[in-house]
N, C-alpha and C. Protein backbone atom coordinates (compact mmCIF):
# COMPACT_ATOMS: atom_id res chain seq x y z
N MET A 1 -74.42 -15.92 18.00
CA MET A 1 -73.81 -17.12 17.86
C MET A 1 -72.61 -16.98 18.79
N ASP A 2 -72.11 -18.07 19.62
CA ASP A 2 -70.92 -18.05 20.34
C ASP A 2 -70.00 -18.92 19.80
N THR A 3 -68.90 -18.25 19.19
CA THR A 3 -68.13 -19.53 18.58
C THR A 3 -66.42 -19.42 19.14
N SER A 4 -66.81 -18.61 20.13
CA SER A 4 -65.31 -18.38 20.97
C SER A 4 -64.50 -19.35 21.46
N GLU A 5 -65.34 -20.62 21.63
CA GLU A 5 -64.60 -21.85 22.21
C GLU A 5 -63.78 -22.49 21.18
N ALA A 6 -64.18 -22.47 19.98
CA ALA A 6 -63.69 -22.97 18.81
C ALA A 6 -63.66 -22.14 17.88
N PRO A 7 -62.70 -21.26 17.16
CA PRO A 7 -63.05 -20.29 16.09
C PRO A 7 -63.26 -21.04 14.88
N HIS A 8 -62.98 -22.37 14.83
CA HIS A 8 -62.95 -22.95 13.44
C HIS A 8 -64.45 -23.74 13.32
N SER A 9 -65.04 -24.01 14.52
CA SER A 9 -66.17 -24.53 14.39
C SER A 9 -67.57 -23.72 13.68
N LEU A 10 -68.68 -24.43 13.32
CA LEU A 10 -69.63 -23.53 12.76
C LEU A 10 -70.62 -23.40 13.89
N PRO A 11 -71.23 -22.39 13.68
CA PRO A 11 -72.42 -21.85 14.62
C PRO A 11 -73.40 -23.23 14.60
N VAL A 12 -74.00 -23.43 15.93
CA VAL A 12 -74.96 -24.32 15.92
C VAL A 12 -76.33 -23.72 16.42
N PRO A 13 -77.37 -24.02 16.02
CA PRO A 13 -78.65 -23.58 16.59
C PRO A 13 -78.72 -23.32 18.25
N ARG A 14 -79.29 -22.46 18.79
CA ARG A 14 -79.18 -22.36 20.20
C ARG A 14 -80.69 -22.79 20.20
N LYS A 15 -81.02 -22.80 21.76
CA LYS A 15 -82.56 -23.52 21.95
C LYS A 15 -83.40 -22.29 21.47
N GLY A 16 -84.39 -22.80 20.93
CA GLY A 16 -85.40 -22.00 20.00
C GLY A 16 -85.09 -21.54 18.79
N GLN A 17 -83.77 -21.98 18.20
CA GLN A 17 -83.66 -21.31 16.84
C GLN A 17 -83.82 -22.39 16.02
N THR A 18 -83.83 -22.58 14.75
CA THR A 18 -83.99 -23.58 13.79
C THR A 18 -82.64 -23.18 12.92
N VAL A 19 -82.41 -24.11 11.76
CA VAL A 19 -81.50 -24.10 11.07
C VAL A 19 -81.70 -22.98 9.99
N ASN A 20 -82.99 -22.45 9.58
CA ASN A 20 -83.28 -21.59 8.68
C ASN A 20 -83.11 -20.17 9.49
N ASP A 21 -82.78 -20.21 10.57
CA ASP A 21 -82.59 -18.82 11.35
C ASP A 21 -81.06 -17.97 10.65
N PRO A 22 -80.88 -16.71 10.57
CA PRO A 22 -79.63 -16.18 10.27
C PRO A 22 -78.72 -16.38 11.31
N GLY A 23 -77.30 -16.64 10.70
CA GLY A 23 -76.38 -16.96 11.32
C GLY A 23 -76.21 -18.40 11.81
N VAL A 24 -77.13 -19.11 11.41
CA VAL A 24 -76.90 -20.63 11.79
C VAL A 24 -76.49 -21.38 10.67
N ALA A 25 -75.21 -21.95 10.68
CA ALA A 25 -74.73 -22.75 9.32
C ALA A 25 -75.49 -23.66 8.84
N GLN A 26 -75.61 -24.07 7.61
CA GLN A 26 -76.41 -25.00 6.90
C GLN A 26 -75.22 -25.94 6.32
N ILE A 27 -75.31 -27.03 6.46
CA ILE A 27 -74.36 -27.93 5.82
C ILE A 27 -74.99 -28.71 4.56
N VAL A 28 -74.69 -28.62 3.32
CA VAL A 28 -75.54 -29.19 2.34
C VAL A 28 -74.63 -30.24 1.71
N ALA A 29 -74.94 -31.50 1.60
CA ALA A 29 -74.24 -32.59 1.13
C ALA A 29 -75.06 -33.00 -0.25
N PRO A 30 -73.96 -33.22 -1.38
CA PRO A 30 -74.77 -33.78 -2.38
C PRO A 30 -75.29 -35.10 -2.53
N ALA A 31 -76.19 -35.05 -3.19
CA ALA A 31 -76.93 -36.38 -3.76
C ALA A 31 -76.24 -37.14 -4.47
N PRO A 32 -76.21 -38.64 -4.23
CA PRO A 32 -75.30 -39.45 -5.11
C PRO A 32 -75.95 -39.34 -6.36
N TYR A 33 -77.27 -39.22 -6.46
CA TYR A 33 -78.00 -39.20 -8.05
C TYR A 33 -78.92 -37.88 -8.14
N VAL A 34 -78.75 -37.37 -9.24
CA VAL A 34 -79.35 -36.12 -9.32
C VAL A 34 -80.32 -36.20 -10.95
N ARG A 35 -81.23 -35.34 -10.89
CA ARG A 35 -82.06 -35.39 -12.04
C ARG A 35 -81.30 -34.30 -13.18
N ILE A 36 -81.68 -34.81 -14.42
CA ILE A 36 -80.94 -34.10 -15.31
C ILE A 36 -80.88 -32.53 -15.37
N PRO A 37 -81.81 -31.80 -14.99
CA PRO A 37 -81.62 -30.34 -14.76
C PRO A 37 -80.30 -29.91 -13.81
N LEU A 38 -80.42 -30.68 -12.91
CA LEU A 38 -79.44 -30.31 -11.85
C LEU A 38 -78.09 -31.01 -12.53
N ALA A 39 -77.94 -31.82 -12.89
CA ALA A 39 -76.74 -32.47 -13.38
C ALA A 39 -76.18 -31.67 -14.35
N SER A 40 -77.09 -31.00 -15.17
CA SER A 40 -76.65 -29.96 -16.02
C SER A 40 -75.89 -28.73 -15.30
N ARG A 41 -76.44 -28.32 -14.27
CA ARG A 41 -75.95 -27.03 -13.51
C ARG A 41 -74.47 -27.64 -13.03
N ILE A 42 -74.34 -28.82 -12.52
CA ILE A 42 -73.47 -29.42 -11.86
C ILE A 42 -72.16 -29.52 -12.98
N THR A 43 -72.61 -29.91 -13.92
CA THR A 43 -71.48 -30.62 -14.99
C THR A 43 -71.18 -29.48 -15.96
N GLY A 44 -71.94 -28.74 -16.37
CA GLY A 44 -71.67 -27.74 -17.34
C GLY A 44 -72.17 -28.32 -18.65
N TYR A 45 -72.93 -29.62 -18.81
CA TYR A 45 -73.11 -29.81 -20.15
C TYR A 45 -74.62 -29.57 -20.00
N THR A 46 -75.17 -29.18 -21.44
CA THR A 46 -76.69 -28.92 -21.50
C THR A 46 -77.64 -29.94 -20.82
N GLU A 47 -78.77 -29.99 -20.83
CA GLU A 47 -79.73 -31.15 -20.72
C GLU A 47 -79.66 -31.99 -21.87
N LYS A 48 -79.70 -31.32 -22.93
CA LYS A 48 -79.64 -31.78 -24.35
C LYS A 48 -78.63 -32.63 -24.44
N ALA A 49 -77.53 -32.17 -24.24
CA ALA A 49 -76.24 -32.93 -24.14
C ALA A 49 -76.04 -34.12 -23.24
N ILE A 50 -76.73 -34.09 -22.22
CA ILE A 50 -76.87 -35.36 -21.05
C ILE A 50 -77.67 -36.25 -21.68
N ARG A 51 -78.85 -35.64 -22.28
CA ARG A 51 -79.87 -36.93 -23.00
C ARG A 51 -79.28 -37.62 -24.17
N ARG A 52 -78.38 -36.80 -24.96
CA ARG A 52 -77.64 -37.32 -26.20
C ARG A 52 -76.61 -38.19 -25.72
N LYS A 53 -75.94 -38.11 -24.63
CA LYS A 53 -75.00 -39.00 -24.32
C LYS A 53 -75.51 -40.16 -23.73
N ILE A 54 -77.02 -40.12 -23.29
CA ILE A 54 -77.75 -41.31 -22.82
C ILE A 54 -78.29 -41.99 -23.88
N ALA A 55 -78.71 -41.30 -24.93
CA ALA A 55 -79.28 -41.85 -26.11
C ALA A 55 -78.44 -42.50 -26.77
N GLU A 56 -77.16 -42.04 -27.00
CA GLU A 56 -76.10 -42.59 -27.93
C GLU A 56 -75.15 -43.96 -27.21
N GLY A 57 -75.39 -44.11 -26.12
CA GLY A 57 -74.81 -45.13 -25.32
C GLY A 57 -73.50 -44.66 -24.65
N VAL A 58 -73.26 -43.47 -24.76
CA VAL A 58 -71.81 -42.80 -24.12
C VAL A 58 -72.13 -42.96 -22.64
N TRP A 59 -73.15 -42.54 -22.11
CA TRP A 59 -73.27 -42.92 -20.78
C TRP A 59 -74.21 -44.24 -20.54
N ARG A 60 -74.03 -45.21 -19.67
CA ARG A 60 -74.40 -46.53 -19.58
C ARG A 60 -75.23 -46.33 -18.12
N VAL A 61 -76.37 -47.26 -18.68
CA VAL A 61 -77.30 -47.57 -17.41
C VAL A 61 -76.33 -48.11 -16.18
N GLY A 62 -76.59 -48.08 -14.93
CA GLY A 62 -76.04 -48.78 -13.88
C GLY A 62 -74.37 -48.09 -13.60
N LYS A 63 -73.82 -47.14 -14.60
CA LYS A 63 -72.72 -46.54 -14.43
C LYS A 63 -72.83 -45.06 -14.18
N GLU A 64 -73.25 -44.31 -15.50
CA GLU A 64 -73.25 -42.96 -15.53
C GLU A 64 -74.61 -42.61 -15.05
N TYR A 65 -75.65 -43.37 -15.06
CA TYR A 65 -77.04 -42.89 -14.67
C TYR A 65 -77.68 -44.25 -14.51
N ARG A 66 -78.97 -43.90 -13.77
CA ARG A 66 -79.91 -45.13 -13.48
C ARG A 66 -81.44 -44.63 -13.57
N LYS A 67 -82.13 -45.35 -13.91
CA LYS A 67 -83.47 -45.27 -13.91
C LYS A 67 -84.30 -45.48 -12.62
N ALA A 68 -84.94 -44.29 -12.09
CA ALA A 68 -85.48 -44.52 -10.62
C ALA A 68 -86.83 -45.55 -10.96
N PRO A 69 -87.28 -46.09 -9.95
CA PRO A 69 -88.76 -46.88 -9.82
C PRO A 69 -89.67 -46.07 -10.58
N ASP A 70 -89.71 -44.54 -10.36
CA ASP A 70 -90.88 -43.95 -10.80
C ASP A 70 -90.64 -43.69 -12.49
N GLY A 71 -89.34 -44.00 -12.99
CA GLY A 71 -89.04 -44.13 -14.46
C GLY A 71 -88.27 -42.65 -14.70
N SER A 72 -87.89 -41.80 -13.73
CA SER A 72 -87.19 -40.53 -13.89
C SER A 72 -85.45 -41.04 -14.11
N VAL A 73 -85.20 -40.38 -14.93
CA VAL A 73 -83.60 -40.66 -15.37
C VAL A 73 -82.78 -39.72 -14.06
N LEU A 74 -81.74 -40.56 -13.42
CA LEU A 74 -80.98 -40.13 -12.45
C LEU A 74 -79.67 -39.99 -12.82
N ILE A 75 -78.68 -39.04 -12.71
CA ILE A 75 -77.37 -39.10 -12.94
C ILE A 75 -76.65 -39.22 -11.95
N SER A 76 -76.11 -40.46 -12.04
CA SER A 76 -74.82 -40.52 -10.82
C SER A 76 -73.56 -39.65 -10.86
N ILE A 77 -73.45 -39.09 -10.01
CA ILE A 77 -72.37 -37.97 -9.54
C ILE A 77 -71.08 -38.72 -9.62
N ALA A 78 -71.06 -39.58 -8.99
CA ALA A 78 -69.84 -40.53 -8.95
C ALA A 78 -69.38 -41.19 -10.32
N GLY A 79 -70.57 -41.80 -10.93
CA GLY A 79 -70.24 -42.22 -12.31
C GLY A 79 -69.75 -41.19 -13.42
N TYR A 80 -70.40 -39.76 -13.07
CA TYR A 80 -70.19 -38.94 -14.14
C TYR A 80 -68.44 -38.67 -13.91
N ALA A 81 -68.28 -38.35 -12.69
CA ALA A 81 -66.63 -38.35 -12.16
C ALA A 81 -65.77 -39.37 -12.80
N ARG A 82 -66.10 -40.55 -12.38
CA ARG A 82 -65.22 -41.63 -13.21
C ARG A 82 -65.19 -41.35 -14.61
N TRP A 83 -66.42 -41.23 -15.39
CA TRP A 83 -66.22 -40.89 -17.02
C TRP A 83 -65.49 -39.96 -17.36
N VAL A 84 -65.57 -38.79 -16.69
CA VAL A 84 -64.58 -37.60 -16.77
C VAL A 84 -63.06 -38.13 -16.88
N GLU A 85 -62.91 -38.73 -15.69
CA GLU A 85 -61.53 -39.03 -15.52
C GLU A 85 -60.82 -40.51 -16.32
N THR A 86 -61.86 -40.71 -17.08
CA THR A 86 -61.38 -41.84 -17.97
C THR A 86 -60.82 -41.37 -19.36
N GLU A 87 -59.71 -41.95 -19.93
CA GLU A 87 -58.96 -41.69 -20.88
C GLU A 87 -59.88 -42.03 -22.14
N LYS A 88 -59.84 -41.49 -23.11
CA LYS A 88 -60.78 -42.11 -24.26
C LYS A 88 -59.49 -42.98 -24.91
N ARG A 89 -60.26 -44.02 -25.25
CA ARG A 89 -59.71 -45.27 -25.83
C ARG A 89 -59.71 -44.83 -27.58
N ARG A 90 -58.55 -44.97 -27.97
CA ARG A 90 -58.39 -44.86 -29.43
C ARG A 90 -58.12 -46.15 -30.23
């Protein structure tokens, strides 16, 4: 890969290459909603702790999580971040 033109730029696939070839940069953007197992890995909370926050109403539908059309529980990464940054009311 020739990056001599702009040393700060990422290598891009050349003709005949794919993003899966070695040396080709892959950019991964986070999804706005993730399933509980991935949310657990991202947040550090166990899956059980996440399910408990949902069951106890600590995390609210439409704020920290949503139900997908197929019934799956999806955690909002932005909602989680807002929840973390909210000071606990006493």
